[in-house]
Amino acid sequence: MLKIGVLVSGGGSNLQAIIDKIESGYIRNVEIATVVSSKPGVFALERAKKYRIGGTCISRKFFNNIDEYDEALISHFVEHKVELVVMAGFLSILGERFNKYYTNRVINIHPSLIPAFCGKGFYGIIPHRHVLESGVKITGATVHFVELEADTGPIILQKAVYVEEGDTPEILQKRVMEQAEWEILPEAIKLFAENRLVIEGKKVLIKKTAPVLSAASKKYSI
């Protein structure tokens, strides 16, 4: 059973998509061990509570520096035996210690087709505003492994979404979530759990079938 920890900062719609796919049996042998919010009182924690998933707030502002924040997150996830960390709309920055400890075991959903409209400062509604201002006709979402620099890690999955006439940032954001984010984030977790992801440099190869692991093999390794 793969234990995952989900990082959130808001309503938790991507968390709900993961829960739904686990409940339906699409994602098998995966358990959400904990949900961690960067802000207190967010609705994502209510979603977790509804499904009897433990949730807590670990806020950056309560720590003197990023290293202390990293250590607090690492300690929490180790305590809950988390093997994969999923950033599902998480707006805080993870530091070098956290990235090193969970190398190739942190994935993030970003609301654009990386490398477009991404990087520092591109979060929430902001990428969608830039998409509309640029006049591009296609946008979408990306799931990628996390590295220290924002949105630069190897790409796992992407899905395109058409920009439509009359779109506002809010309308486009909703369509990207419904048509792309809520599909490819659960799918990436499923692929990771099935040991079907292989990182080669900046590329992620997806195996058609899961490898047969020996008893001595490390479970869920990349």
N, C-alpha and C. Protein backbone atom coordinates (compact mmCIF):
# COMPACT_ATOMS: atom_id res chain seq x y z
N MET A 1 0.84 -1.20 0.00
CA MET A 1 0.00 0.00 0.00
C MET A 1 0.87 1.25 0.00
N LEU A 2 0.74 2.06 -1.02
CA LEU A 2 1.49 3.30 -1.12
C LEU A 2 0.80 4.37 -0.28
N LYS A 3 1.51 4.94 0.66
CA LYS A 3 0.97 6.01 1.49
C LYS A 3 1.40 7.35 0.90
N ILE A 4 0.43 8.22 0.65
CA ILE A 4 0.73 9.53 0.10
C ILE A 4 0.34 10.62 1.09
N GLY A 5 1.08 11.72 1.01
CA GLY A 5 0.75 12.92 1.78
C GLY A 5 0.39 14.00 0.79
N VAL A 6 -0.74 14.68 1.02
CA VAL A 6 -1.22 15.69 0.08
C VAL A 6 -1.07 17.07 0.70
N LEU A 7 -0.38 17.96 -0.01
CA LEU A 7 -0.18 19.34 0.41
C LEU A 7 -1.21 20.23 -0.27
N VAL A 8 -1.91 21.06 0.51
CA VAL A 8 -2.98 21.90 -0.02
C VAL A 8 -2.86 23.31 0.56
N SER A 9 -3.59 24.23 -0.09
CA SER A 9 -3.62 25.61 0.42
C SER A 9 -5.00 26.24 0.31
N GLY A 10 -5.97 25.54 -0.27
CA GLY A 10 -7.27 26.16 -0.50
C GLY A 10 -8.42 25.20 -0.40
N GLY A 11 -9.27 25.23 -1.44
CA GLY A 11 -10.50 24.46 -1.41
C GLY A 11 -10.34 22.97 -1.53
N GLY A 12 -9.25 22.54 -2.15
CA GLY A 12 -8.98 21.10 -2.22
C GLY A 12 -9.71 20.35 -3.30
N SER A 13 -10.01 21.01 -4.42
CA SER A 13 -10.71 20.30 -5.50
C SER A 13 -9.85 19.19 -6.09
N ASN A 14 -8.53 19.41 -6.18
CA ASN A 14 -7.66 18.34 -6.66
C ASN A 14 -7.55 17.21 -5.64
N LEU A 15 -7.57 17.54 -4.37
CA LEU A 15 -7.63 16.51 -3.32
C LEU A 15 -8.89 15.67 -3.50
N GLN A 16 -10.01 16.32 -3.77
CA GLN A 16 -11.26 15.60 -3.97
C GLN A 16 -11.17 14.67 -5.17
N ALA A 17 -10.51 15.13 -6.23
CA ALA A 17 -10.35 14.28 -7.42
C ALA A 17 -9.56 13.03 -7.09
N ILE A 18 -8.54 13.18 -6.26
CA ILE A 18 -7.74 12.01 -5.85
C ILE A 18 -8.58 11.06 -5.01
N ILE A 19 -9.31 11.62 -4.05
CA ILE A 19 -10.17 10.80 -3.19
C ILE A 19 -11.18 10.03 -4.03
N ASP A 20 -11.81 10.71 -4.98
CA ASP A 20 -12.82 10.08 -5.83
C ASP A 20 -12.25 8.91 -6.63
N LYS A 21 -11.03 9.10 -7.15
CA LYS A 21 -10.41 8.03 -7.94
C LYS A 21 -9.99 6.85 -7.08
N ILE A 22 -9.63 7.11 -5.84
CA ILE A 22 -9.33 6.01 -4.92
C ILE A 22 -10.61 5.28 -4.54
N GLU A 23 -11.65 6.05 -4.24
CA GLU A 23 -12.93 5.47 -3.85
C GLU A 23 -13.53 4.62 -4.96
N SER A 24 -13.34 5.05 -6.21
CA SER A 24 -13.91 4.33 -7.35
C SER A 24 -13.13 3.08 -7.72
N GLY A 25 -11.90 2.96 -7.21
CA GLY A 25 -11.05 1.82 -7.55
C GLY A 25 -10.14 2.07 -8.72
N TYR A 26 -10.21 3.27 -9.31
CA TYR A 26 -9.30 3.60 -10.42
C TYR A 26 -7.85 3.60 -9.94
N ILE A 27 -7.63 4.18 -8.76
CA ILE A 27 -6.31 4.13 -8.13
C ILE A 27 -6.37 3.04 -7.07
N ARG A 28 -5.52 2.04 -7.20
CA ARG A 28 -5.52 0.93 -6.25
C ARG A 28 -4.25 0.91 -5.42
N ASN A 29 -4.35 0.32 -4.25
CA ASN A 29 -3.21 0.15 -3.35
C ASN A 29 -2.55 1.48 -2.99
N VAL A 30 -3.40 2.50 -2.83
CA VAL A 30 -2.94 3.83 -2.43
C VAL A 30 -3.82 4.33 -1.30
N GLU A 31 -3.19 4.90 -0.28
CA GLU A 31 -3.90 5.46 0.86
C GLU A 31 -3.41 6.87 1.12
N ILE A 32 -4.33 7.81 1.30
CA ILE A 32 -3.94 9.16 1.71
C ILE A 32 -3.70 9.12 3.20
N ALA A 33 -2.43 9.18 3.59
CA ALA A 33 -2.06 9.04 4.99
C ALA A 33 -2.28 10.33 5.77
N THR A 34 -2.14 11.48 5.09
CA THR A 34 -2.30 12.77 5.76
C THR A 34 -2.50 13.86 4.73
N VAL A 35 -3.22 14.90 5.14
CA VAL A 35 -3.39 16.10 4.33
C VAL A 35 -2.83 17.27 5.14
N VAL A 36 -1.93 18.02 4.52
CA VAL A 36 -1.28 19.14 5.22
C VAL A 36 -1.59 20.44 4.48
N SER A 37 -2.11 21.41 5.21
CA SER A 37 -2.43 22.71 4.62
C SER A 37 -1.42 23.75 5.05
N SER A 38 -1.15 24.69 4.16
CA SER A 38 -0.27 25.80 4.48
C SER A 38 -1.03 26.92 5.20
N LYS A 39 -2.37 26.80 5.22
CA LYS A 39 -3.22 27.82 5.85
C LYS A 39 -4.24 27.14 6.76
N PRO A 40 -4.57 27.76 7.88
CA PRO A 40 -5.60 27.18 8.75
C PRO A 40 -7.00 27.40 8.19
N GLY A 41 -7.91 26.48 8.49
CA GLY A 41 -9.31 26.67 8.19
C GLY A 41 -9.71 26.53 6.73
N VAL A 42 -8.85 26.02 5.88
CA VAL A 42 -9.22 25.91 4.46
C VAL A 42 -10.19 24.74 4.26
N PHE A 43 -10.97 24.81 3.20
CA PHE A 43 -12.00 23.81 2.97
C PHE A 43 -11.40 22.43 2.66
N ALA A 44 -10.19 22.42 2.16
CA ALA A 44 -9.54 21.13 1.87
C ALA A 44 -9.46 20.26 3.12
N LEU A 45 -9.25 20.88 4.28
CA LEU A 45 -9.19 20.11 5.53
C LEU A 45 -10.56 19.55 5.89
N GLU A 46 -11.62 20.26 5.53
CA GLU A 46 -12.98 19.75 5.74
C GLU A 46 -13.24 18.54 4.84
N ARG A 47 -12.74 18.61 3.62
CA ARG A 47 -12.88 17.46 2.71
C ARG A 47 -12.19 16.23 3.31
N ALA A 48 -10.98 16.43 3.82
CA ALA A 48 -10.25 15.32 4.42
C ALA A 48 -11.03 14.74 5.60
N LYS A 49 -11.53 15.61 6.44
CA LYS A 49 -12.28 15.18 7.63
C LYS A 49 -13.50 14.35 7.25
N LYS A 50 -14.17 14.74 6.18
CA LYS A 50 -15.37 14.02 5.72
C LYS A 50 -15.05 12.56 5.41
N TYR A 51 -13.83 12.31 4.92
CA TYR A 51 -13.43 10.95 4.55
C TYR A 51 -12.54 10.31 5.62
N ARG A 52 -12.55 10.89 6.80
CA ARG A 52 -11.78 10.38 7.94
C ARG A 52 -10.29 10.29 7.64
N ILE A 53 -9.82 11.27 6.91
CA ILE A 53 -8.39 11.40 6.63
C ILE A 53 -7.82 12.46 7.55
N GLY A 54 -6.73 12.14 8.22
CA GLY A 54 -6.12 13.10 9.13
C GLY A 54 -5.61 14.33 8.40
N GLY A 55 -5.93 15.51 8.94
CA GLY A 55 -5.49 16.75 8.33
C GLY A 55 -4.94 17.71 9.36
N THR A 56 -3.98 18.52 8.95
CA THR A 56 -3.39 19.49 9.87
C THR A 56 -2.87 20.68 9.08
N CYS A 57 -2.59 21.76 9.80
CA CYS A 57 -1.97 22.94 9.19
C CYS A 57 -0.54 23.08 9.68
N ILE A 58 0.39 23.16 8.75
CA ILE A 58 1.79 23.46 9.09
C ILE A 58 2.14 24.69 8.25
N SER A 59 2.12 25.84 8.89
CA SER A 59 2.27 27.11 8.18
C SER A 59 3.70 27.62 8.22
N ARG A 60 4.17 28.11 7.09
CA ARG A 60 5.53 28.63 6.98
C ARG A 60 5.77 29.78 7.96
N LYS A 61 4.75 30.58 8.23
CA LYS A 61 4.94 31.78 9.04
C LYS A 61 5.28 31.48 10.51
N PHE A 62 5.09 30.23 10.92
CA PHE A 62 5.39 29.87 12.30
C PHE A 62 6.83 29.39 12.49
N PHE A 63 7.64 29.47 11.42
CA PHE A 63 9.01 28.99 11.49
C PHE A 63 9.98 30.11 11.13
N ASN A 64 11.17 30.08 11.73
CA ASN A 64 12.14 31.15 11.54
C ASN A 64 12.74 31.18 10.14
N ASN A 65 12.84 30.00 9.51
CA ASN A 65 13.44 29.94 8.19
C ASN A 65 12.93 28.71 7.44
N ILE A 66 13.31 28.60 6.18
CA ILE A 66 12.80 27.53 5.33
C ILE A 66 13.32 26.16 5.77
N ASP A 67 14.51 26.11 6.34
CA ASP A 67 15.05 24.83 6.80
C ASP A 67 14.20 24.27 7.95
N GLU A 68 13.80 25.13 8.88
CA GLU A 68 12.95 24.68 9.98
C GLU A 68 11.59 24.21 9.45
N TYR A 69 11.08 24.92 8.47
CA TYR A 69 9.80 24.53 7.86
C TYR A 69 9.93 23.17 7.17
N ASP A 70 11.00 23.00 6.43
CA ASP A 70 11.25 21.71 5.77
C ASP A 70 11.30 20.57 6.78
N GLU A 71 12.03 20.80 7.88
CA GLU A 71 12.18 19.75 8.90
C GLU A 71 10.83 19.39 9.51
N ALA A 72 9.98 20.38 9.73
CA ALA A 72 8.66 20.12 10.29
C ALA A 72 7.82 19.27 9.34
N LEU A 73 7.88 19.59 8.06
CA LEU A 73 7.12 18.82 7.06
C LEU A 73 7.69 17.40 6.94
N ILE A 74 9.00 17.29 6.88
CA ILE A 74 9.63 15.97 6.77
C ILE A 74 9.25 15.11 7.97
N SER A 75 9.34 15.66 9.16
CA SER A 75 9.01 14.91 10.38
C SER A 75 7.57 14.42 10.35
N HIS A 76 6.68 15.30 9.91
CA HIS A 76 5.26 14.92 9.84
C HIS A 76 5.05 13.78 8.85
N PHE A 77 5.65 13.89 7.67
CA PHE A 77 5.45 12.86 6.66
C PHE A 77 6.13 11.54 7.04
N VAL A 78 7.28 11.62 7.66
CA VAL A 78 7.95 10.40 8.13
C VAL A 78 7.09 9.71 9.18
N GLU A 79 6.53 10.49 10.08
CA GLU A 79 5.65 9.94 11.13
C GLU A 79 4.48 9.17 10.52
N HIS A 80 3.98 9.66 9.39
CA HIS A 80 2.84 9.03 8.72
C HIS A 80 3.26 8.06 7.62
N LYS A 81 4.56 7.77 7.56
CA LYS A 81 5.11 6.78 6.61
C LYS A 81 4.77 7.13 5.16
N VAL A 82 4.82 8.41 4.84
CA VAL A 82 4.50 8.88 3.48
C VAL A 82 5.64 8.55 2.53
N GLU A 83 5.28 7.96 1.38
CA GLU A 83 6.27 7.59 0.36
C GLU A 83 6.20 8.49 -0.88
N LEU A 84 5.07 9.13 -1.08
CA LEU A 84 4.91 10.07 -2.19
C LEU A 84 4.19 11.31 -1.67
N VAL A 85 4.77 12.48 -1.96
CA VAL A 85 4.15 13.75 -1.58
C VAL A 85 3.51 14.36 -2.81
N VAL A 86 2.24 14.75 -2.68
CA VAL A 86 1.48 15.31 -3.80
C VAL A 86 1.12 16.76 -3.49
N MET A 87 1.64 17.68 -4.29
CA MET A 87 1.29 19.09 -4.14
C MET A 87 0.05 19.36 -4.99
N ALA A 88 -1.07 19.54 -4.29
CA ALA A 88 -2.36 19.69 -4.97
C ALA A 88 -2.91 21.09 -4.72
N GLY A 89 -2.27 22.08 -5.36
CA GLY A 89 -2.66 23.46 -5.12
C GLY A 89 -2.01 24.01 -3.87
N PHE A 90 -0.74 23.68 -3.69
CA PHE A 90 0.02 24.10 -2.51
C PHE A 90 0.82 25.34 -2.86
N LEU A 91 0.62 26.43 -2.10
CA LEU A 91 1.19 27.72 -2.49
C LEU A 91 2.44 28.12 -1.72
N SER A 92 2.88 27.30 -0.76
CA SER A 92 4.13 27.58 -0.06
C SER A 92 5.31 26.97 -0.82
N ILE A 93 6.50 27.49 -0.53
CA ILE A 93 7.71 27.02 -1.18
C ILE A 93 8.36 25.92 -0.33
N LEU A 94 8.80 24.86 -0.99
CA LEU A 94 9.55 23.80 -0.32
C LEU A 94 11.04 24.07 -0.52
N GLY A 95 11.82 23.87 0.54
CA GLY A 95 13.24 24.19 0.48
C GLY A 95 14.12 23.03 0.03
N GLU A 96 15.43 23.28 0.07
CA GLU A 96 16.40 22.31 -0.40
C GLU A 96 16.37 21.02 0.41
N ARG A 97 16.22 21.13 1.74
CA ARG A 97 16.21 19.94 2.59
C ARG A 97 15.06 19.02 2.22
N PHE A 98 13.89 19.60 2.05
CA PHE A 98 12.73 18.77 1.71
C PHE A 98 12.91 18.12 0.35
N ASN A 99 13.37 18.89 -0.62
CA ASN A 99 13.56 18.35 -1.97
C ASN A 99 14.59 17.23 -2.00
N LYS A 100 15.66 17.37 -1.23
CA LYS A 100 16.67 16.32 -1.19
C LYS A 100 16.14 15.06 -0.51
N TYR A 101 15.40 15.24 0.58
CA TYR A 101 14.89 14.09 1.31
C TYR A 101 13.90 13.29 0.47
N TYR A 102 13.06 14.00 -0.27
CA TYR A 102 12.04 13.33 -1.08
C TYR A 102 12.34 13.42 -2.58
N THR A 103 13.60 13.30 -2.94
CA THR A 103 13.99 13.36 -4.35
C THR A 103 13.19 12.35 -5.18
N ASN A 104 12.60 12.84 -6.26
CA ASN A 104 11.78 12.02 -7.17
C ASN A 104 10.57 11.38 -6.49
N ARG A 105 10.17 11.97 -5.35
CA ARG A 105 8.98 11.47 -4.66
C ARG A 105 8.02 12.60 -4.29
N VAL A 106 8.14 13.71 -5.03
CA VAL A 106 7.20 14.83 -4.89
C VAL A 106 6.69 15.19 -6.27
N ILE A 107 5.37 15.23 -6.42
CA ILE A 107 4.79 15.64 -7.70
C ILE A 107 3.88 16.85 -7.48
N ASN A 108 3.74 17.63 -8.53
CA ASN A 108 2.97 18.88 -8.46
C ASN A 108 2.06 19.00 -9.67
N ILE A 109 0.89 19.60 -9.47
CA ILE A 109 0.00 19.92 -10.59
C ILE A 109 0.11 21.42 -10.85
N HIS A 110 0.38 21.78 -12.11
CA HIS A 110 0.51 23.19 -12.47
C HIS A 110 -0.50 23.52 -13.57
N PRO A 111 -1.21 24.66 -13.44
CA PRO A 111 -2.29 24.99 -14.39
C PRO A 111 -1.85 25.66 -15.68
N SER A 112 -0.90 25.04 -16.36
CA SER A 112 -0.53 25.48 -17.71
C SER A 112 0.27 24.36 -18.35
N LEU A 113 0.57 24.52 -19.62
CA LEU A 113 1.41 23.55 -20.32
C LEU A 113 2.86 24.00 -20.20
N ILE A 114 3.53 23.52 -19.17
CA ILE A 114 4.95 23.84 -18.95
C ILE A 114 5.74 23.47 -20.20
N PRO A 115 6.66 24.33 -20.69
CA PRO A 115 7.30 25.45 -20.01
C PRO A 115 6.63 26.81 -20.20
N ALA A 116 5.40 26.86 -20.69
CA ALA A 116 4.70 28.13 -20.84
C ALA A 116 3.98 28.50 -19.55
N PHE A 117 3.98 29.79 -19.23
CA PHE A 117 3.20 30.33 -18.12
C PHE A 117 3.48 29.60 -16.81
N CYS A 118 4.74 29.54 -16.45
CA CYS A 118 5.13 28.82 -15.24
C CYS A 118 6.32 29.51 -14.59
N GLY A 119 6.73 28.98 -13.45
CA GLY A 119 7.86 29.53 -12.73
C GLY A 119 7.42 30.36 -11.55
N LYS A 120 8.35 31.06 -10.95
CA LYS A 120 8.09 31.86 -9.76
C LYS A 120 6.99 32.89 -10.03
N GLY A 121 5.99 32.92 -9.16
CA GLY A 121 4.91 33.89 -9.28
C GLY A 121 3.73 33.43 -10.10
N PHE A 122 3.87 32.29 -10.79
CA PHE A 122 2.77 31.78 -11.61
C PHE A 122 2.01 30.71 -10.82
N TYR A 123 0.97 31.12 -10.13
CA TYR A 123 0.17 30.20 -9.33
C TYR A 123 -1.28 30.70 -9.30
N GLY A 124 -2.18 29.81 -8.88
CA GLY A 124 -3.58 30.21 -8.75
C GLY A 124 -4.18 30.69 -10.07
N ILE A 125 -4.79 31.85 -10.03
CA ILE A 125 -5.46 32.42 -11.20
C ILE A 125 -4.47 33.09 -12.15
N ILE A 126 -3.25 33.36 -11.68
CA ILE A 126 -2.28 34.16 -12.45
C ILE A 126 -1.93 33.55 -13.81
N PRO A 127 -1.63 32.24 -13.92
CA PRO A 127 -1.33 31.69 -15.24
C PRO A 127 -2.47 31.89 -16.24
N HIS A 128 -3.70 31.79 -15.77
CA HIS A 128 -4.85 31.92 -16.67
C HIS A 128 -5.00 33.35 -17.17
N ARG A 129 -4.69 34.33 -16.33
CA ARG A 129 -4.69 35.72 -16.78
C ARG A 129 -3.66 35.93 -17.89
N HIS A 130 -2.48 35.37 -17.70
CA HIS A 130 -1.42 35.52 -18.70
C HIS A 130 -1.77 34.79 -19.99
N VAL A 131 -2.41 33.65 -19.87
CA VAL A 131 -2.85 32.91 -21.07
C VAL A 131 -3.78 33.78 -21.91
N LEU A 132 -4.77 34.39 -21.26
CA LEU A 132 -5.74 35.20 -21.99
C LEU A 132 -5.11 36.47 -22.56
N GLU A 133 -4.20 37.06 -21.81
CA GLU A 133 -3.51 38.27 -22.29
C GLU A 133 -2.61 37.97 -23.49
N SER A 134 -2.07 36.75 -23.54
CA SER A 134 -1.13 36.40 -24.61
C SER A 134 -1.83 36.09 -25.93
N GLY A 135 -3.11 35.70 -25.84
CA GLY A 135 -3.84 35.36 -27.06
C GLY A 135 -3.65 33.94 -27.56
N VAL A 136 -2.98 33.09 -26.79
CA VAL A 136 -2.82 31.70 -27.23
C VAL A 136 -4.17 31.01 -27.27
N LYS A 137 -4.27 29.98 -28.07
CA LYS A 137 -5.55 29.28 -28.27
C LYS A 137 -5.65 28.00 -27.46
N ILE A 138 -4.53 27.52 -26.94
CA ILE A 138 -4.52 26.26 -26.18
C ILE A 138 -3.72 26.46 -24.90
N THR A 139 -4.29 25.99 -23.81
CA THR A 139 -3.58 25.96 -22.54
C THR A 139 -3.75 24.55 -21.97
N GLY A 140 -3.71 24.39 -20.66
CA GLY A 140 -3.89 23.06 -20.10
C GLY A 140 -3.28 22.94 -18.73
N ALA A 141 -2.86 21.73 -18.38
CA ALA A 141 -2.25 21.47 -17.07
C ALA A 141 -1.12 20.47 -17.22
N THR A 142 -0.23 20.49 -16.24
CA THR A 142 0.96 19.64 -16.24
C THR A 142 1.15 19.03 -14.86
N VAL A 143 1.48 17.73 -14.83
CA VAL A 143 1.95 17.10 -13.60
C VAL A 143 3.44 16.82 -13.79
N HIS A 144 4.24 17.23 -12.82
CA HIS A 144 5.68 17.06 -12.94
C HIS A 144 6.30 16.71 -11.60
N PHE A 145 7.47 16.10 -11.65
CA PHE A 145 8.24 15.90 -10.44
C PHE A 145 8.80 17.26 -10.00
N VAL A 146 8.92 17.43 -8.69
CA VAL A 146 9.32 18.72 -8.14
C VAL A 146 10.83 18.77 -7.93
N GLU A 147 11.41 19.88 -8.37
CA GLU A 147 12.80 20.19 -8.09
C GLU A 147 12.85 21.53 -7.36
N LEU A 148 14.03 21.94 -6.93
CA LEU A 148 14.15 23.14 -6.11
C LEU A 148 13.64 24.37 -6.84
N GLU A 149 13.97 24.52 -8.12
CA GLU A 149 13.47 25.64 -8.91
C GLU A 149 12.04 25.36 -9.34
N ALA A 150 11.18 26.36 -9.23
CA ALA A 150 9.75 26.18 -9.49
C ALA A 150 9.47 25.71 -10.91
N ASP A 151 8.67 24.65 -11.01
CA ASP A 151 8.11 24.16 -12.29
C ASP A 151 9.17 23.73 -13.30
N THR A 152 10.30 23.21 -12.82
CA THR A 152 11.37 22.80 -13.74
C THR A 152 11.59 21.30 -13.75
N GLY A 153 10.92 20.56 -12.89
CA GLY A 153 11.15 19.12 -12.78
C GLY A 153 10.63 18.35 -13.97
N PRO A 154 11.07 17.10 -14.15
CA PRO A 154 10.64 16.27 -15.27
C PRO A 154 9.12 16.14 -15.35
N ILE A 155 8.60 16.30 -16.56
CA ILE A 155 7.16 16.29 -16.79
C ILE A 155 6.64 14.85 -16.89
N ILE A 156 5.60 14.57 -16.12
CA ILE A 156 4.99 13.24 -16.13
C ILE A 156 3.85 13.18 -17.14
N LEU A 157 2.89 14.09 -17.01
CA LEU A 157 1.72 14.11 -17.88
C LEU A 157 1.32 15.55 -18.18
N GLN A 158 0.75 15.75 -19.36
CA GLN A 158 0.14 17.02 -19.72
C GLN A 158 -1.17 16.77 -20.45
N LYS A 159 -2.10 17.71 -20.30
CA LYS A 159 -3.34 17.64 -21.07
C LYS A 159 -3.73 19.04 -21.53
N ALA A 160 -4.07 19.14 -22.80
CA ALA A 160 -4.42 20.44 -23.39
C ALA A 160 -5.89 20.75 -23.20
N VAL A 161 -6.17 22.06 -23.10
CA VAL A 161 -7.54 22.57 -22.99
C VAL A 161 -7.64 23.79 -23.90
N TYR A 162 -8.70 23.86 -24.69
CA TYR A 162 -8.88 24.99 -25.60
C TYR A 162 -9.31 26.24 -24.85
N VAL A 163 -8.73 27.36 -25.27
CA VAL A 163 -9.20 28.67 -24.81
C VAL A 163 -10.37 29.06 -25.70
N GLU A 164 -11.46 29.51 -25.09
CA GLU A 164 -12.67 29.83 -25.85
C GLU A 164 -12.96 31.32 -25.82
N GLU A 165 -13.64 31.79 -26.85
CA GLU A 165 -14.01 33.20 -26.93
C GLU A 165 -14.91 33.56 -25.74
N GLY A 166 -14.62 34.67 -25.11
CA GLY A 166 -15.42 35.10 -23.98
C GLY A 166 -14.92 34.59 -22.64
N ASP A 167 -13.85 33.81 -22.65
CA ASP A 167 -13.29 33.31 -21.40
C ASP A 167 -12.82 34.45 -20.50
N THR A 168 -13.07 34.30 -19.22
CA THR A 168 -12.44 35.12 -18.19
C THR A 168 -11.41 34.23 -17.50
N PRO A 169 -10.50 34.78 -16.73
CA PRO A 169 -9.56 33.93 -16.00
C PRO A 169 -10.26 32.89 -15.13
N GLU A 170 -11.36 33.28 -14.51
CA GLU A 170 -12.09 32.37 -13.63
C GLU A 170 -12.75 31.23 -14.41
N ILE A 171 -13.34 31.56 -15.55
CA ILE A 171 -13.98 30.54 -16.38
C ILE A 171 -12.93 29.57 -16.92
N LEU A 172 -11.81 30.11 -17.37
CA LEU A 172 -10.75 29.27 -17.92
C LEU A 172 -10.14 28.40 -16.82
N GLN A 173 -9.94 28.96 -15.65
CA GLN A 173 -9.41 28.20 -14.52
C GLN A 173 -10.30 26.99 -14.21
N LYS A 174 -11.60 27.21 -14.19
CA LYS A 174 -12.54 26.13 -13.90
C LYS A 174 -12.48 25.04 -14.97
N ARG A 175 -12.40 25.44 -16.24
CA ARG A 175 -12.35 24.46 -17.33
C ARG A 175 -11.06 23.66 -17.28
N VAL A 176 -9.93 24.32 -16.99
CA VAL A 176 -8.65 23.62 -16.89
C VAL A 176 -8.68 22.60 -15.75
N MET A 177 -9.27 22.99 -14.64
CA MET A 177 -9.38 22.05 -13.53
C MET A 177 -10.23 20.84 -13.92
N GLU A 178 -11.41 21.10 -14.45
CA GLU A 178 -12.35 20.02 -14.75
C GLU A 178 -11.87 19.10 -15.87
N GLN A 179 -11.26 19.69 -16.92
CA GLN A 179 -10.89 18.89 -18.09
C GLN A 179 -9.47 18.33 -18.04
N ALA A 180 -8.63 18.92 -17.19
CA ALA A 180 -7.23 18.49 -17.18
C ALA A 180 -6.73 18.11 -15.79
N GLU A 181 -6.73 19.06 -14.86
CA GLU A 181 -6.12 18.80 -13.55
C GLU A 181 -6.71 17.60 -12.84
N TRP A 182 -8.05 17.52 -12.81
CA TRP A 182 -8.71 16.46 -12.06
C TRP A 182 -8.53 15.09 -12.71
N GLU A 183 -8.03 15.07 -13.93
CA GLU A 183 -7.77 13.80 -14.61
C GLU A 183 -6.31 13.37 -14.50
N ILE A 184 -5.39 14.30 -14.79
CA ILE A 184 -4.00 13.86 -14.90
C ILE A 184 -3.29 13.73 -13.55
N LEU A 185 -3.74 14.46 -12.52
CA LEU A 185 -3.09 14.29 -11.21
C LEU A 185 -3.37 12.90 -10.63
N PRO A 186 -4.63 12.45 -10.59
CA PRO A 186 -4.87 11.07 -10.14
C PRO A 186 -4.17 10.03 -11.01
N GLU A 187 -4.12 10.29 -12.33
CA GLU A 187 -3.47 9.34 -13.23
C GLU A 187 -1.97 9.23 -12.91
N ALA A 188 -1.32 10.35 -12.61
CA ALA A 188 0.10 10.33 -12.27
C ALA A 188 0.34 9.54 -10.99
N ILE A 189 -0.54 9.70 -10.01
CA ILE A 189 -0.43 8.93 -8.76
C ILE A 189 -0.58 7.44 -9.05
N LYS A 190 -1.52 7.11 -9.90
CA LYS A 190 -1.73 5.71 -10.28
C LYS A 190 -0.48 5.13 -10.94
N LEU A 191 0.12 5.87 -11.86
CA LEU A 191 1.32 5.40 -12.55
C LEU A 191 2.49 5.23 -11.57
N PHE A 192 2.63 6.17 -10.64
CA PHE A 192 3.69 6.06 -9.64
C PHE A 192 3.48 4.82 -8.78
N ALA A 193 2.26 4.61 -8.33
CA ALA A 193 1.94 3.46 -7.48
C ALA A 193 2.19 2.14 -8.18
N GLU A 194 2.04 2.14 -9.50
CA GLU A 194 2.24 0.92 -10.30
C GLU A 194 3.68 0.78 -10.76
N ASN A 195 4.56 1.65 -10.29
CA ASN A 195 5.99 1.60 -10.65
C ASN A 195 6.22 1.69 -12.16
N ARG A 196 5.44 2.54 -12.80
CA ARG A 196 5.52 2.64 -14.26
C ARG A 196 6.23 3.91 -14.74
N LEU A 197 6.79 4.68 -13.82
CA LEU A 197 7.48 5.91 -14.19
C LEU A 197 8.98 5.73 -14.08
N VAL A 198 9.68 6.09 -15.15
CA VAL A 198 11.14 6.01 -15.18
C VAL A 198 11.69 7.37 -15.58
N ILE A 199 12.54 7.95 -14.73
CA ILE A 199 13.15 9.24 -15.04
C ILE A 199 14.48 9.03 -15.74
N GLU A 200 14.61 9.63 -16.91
CA GLU A 200 15.87 9.62 -17.64
C GLU A 200 16.23 11.07 -17.96
N GLY A 201 17.10 11.64 -17.14
CA GLY A 201 17.45 13.04 -17.31
C GLY A 201 16.25 13.92 -17.02
N LYS A 202 15.85 14.72 -18.00
CA LYS A 202 14.69 15.60 -17.84
C LYS A 202 13.41 14.96 -18.37
N LYS A 203 13.50 13.71 -18.80
CA LYS A 203 12.33 13.04 -19.37
C LYS A 203 11.79 11.98 -18.42
N VAL A 204 10.47 11.81 -18.47
CA VAL A 204 9.82 10.72 -17.74
C VAL A 204 9.25 9.75 -18.76
N LEU A 205 9.72 8.50 -18.69
CA LEU A 205 9.19 7.46 -19.56
C LEU A 205 8.10 6.70 -18.80
N ILE A 206 7.02 6.38 -19.50
CA ILE A 206 5.91 5.65 -18.89
C ILE A 206 5.88 4.24 -19.45
N LYS A 207 6.12 3.26 -18.58
CA LYS A 207 6.09 1.86 -19.00
C LYS A 207 4.65 1.42 -19.23
N LYS A 208 4.47 0.56 -20.22
CA LYS A 208 3.13 0.07 -20.52
C LYS A 208 2.59 -0.83 -19.42
N THR A 209 3.47 -1.60 -18.82
CA THR A 209 3.07 -2.47 -17.72
C THR A 209 4.03 -2.29 -16.56
N ALA A 210 3.55 -2.59 -15.37
CA ALA A 210 4.38 -2.46 -14.18
C ALA A 210 5.45 -3.54 -14.16
N PRO A 211 6.67 -3.20 -13.71
CA PRO A 211 7.73 -4.20 -13.62
C PRO A 211 7.46 -5.18 -12.49
N VAL A 212 8.01 -6.38 -12.62
CA VAL A 212 7.91 -7.37 -11.56
C VAL A 212 9.05 -7.13 -10.59
N LEU A 213 8.73 -6.81 -9.35
CA LEU A 213 9.75 -6.49 -8.37
C LEU A 213 10.08 -7.71 -7.51
N SER A 214 11.36 -7.88 -7.24
CA SER A 214 11.78 -8.95 -6.34
C SER A 214 11.51 -8.53 -4.91
N ALA A 215 11.57 -9.47 -4.01
CA ALA A 215 11.32 -9.17 -2.59
C ALA A 215 12.32 -8.17 -2.05
N ALA A 216 13.52 -8.17 -2.66
CA ALA A 216 14.57 -7.27 -2.18
C ALA A 216 14.47 -5.87 -2.77
N SER A 217 13.61 -5.73 -3.78
CA SER A 217 13.50 -4.44 -4.45
C SER A 217 12.81 -3.43 -3.54
N LYS A 218 13.19 -2.18 -3.68
CA LYS A 218 12.54 -1.13 -2.89
C LYS A 218 11.20 -0.79 -3.50
N LYS A 219 10.19 -0.84 -2.72
CA LYS A 219 8.84 -0.61 -3.22
C LYS A 219 8.67 0.86 -3.62
N TYR A 220 7.99 1.04 -4.75
CA TYR A 220 7.65 2.37 -5.25
C TYR A 220 8.87 3.22 -5.54
N SER A 221 9.97 2.58 -5.88
CA SER A 221 11.16 3.36 -6.22
C SER A 221 11.08 3.82 -7.66
N ILE A 222 11.75 4.93 -7.94
CA ILE A 222 11.81 5.45 -9.30
C ILE A 222 13.12 5.00 -9.93
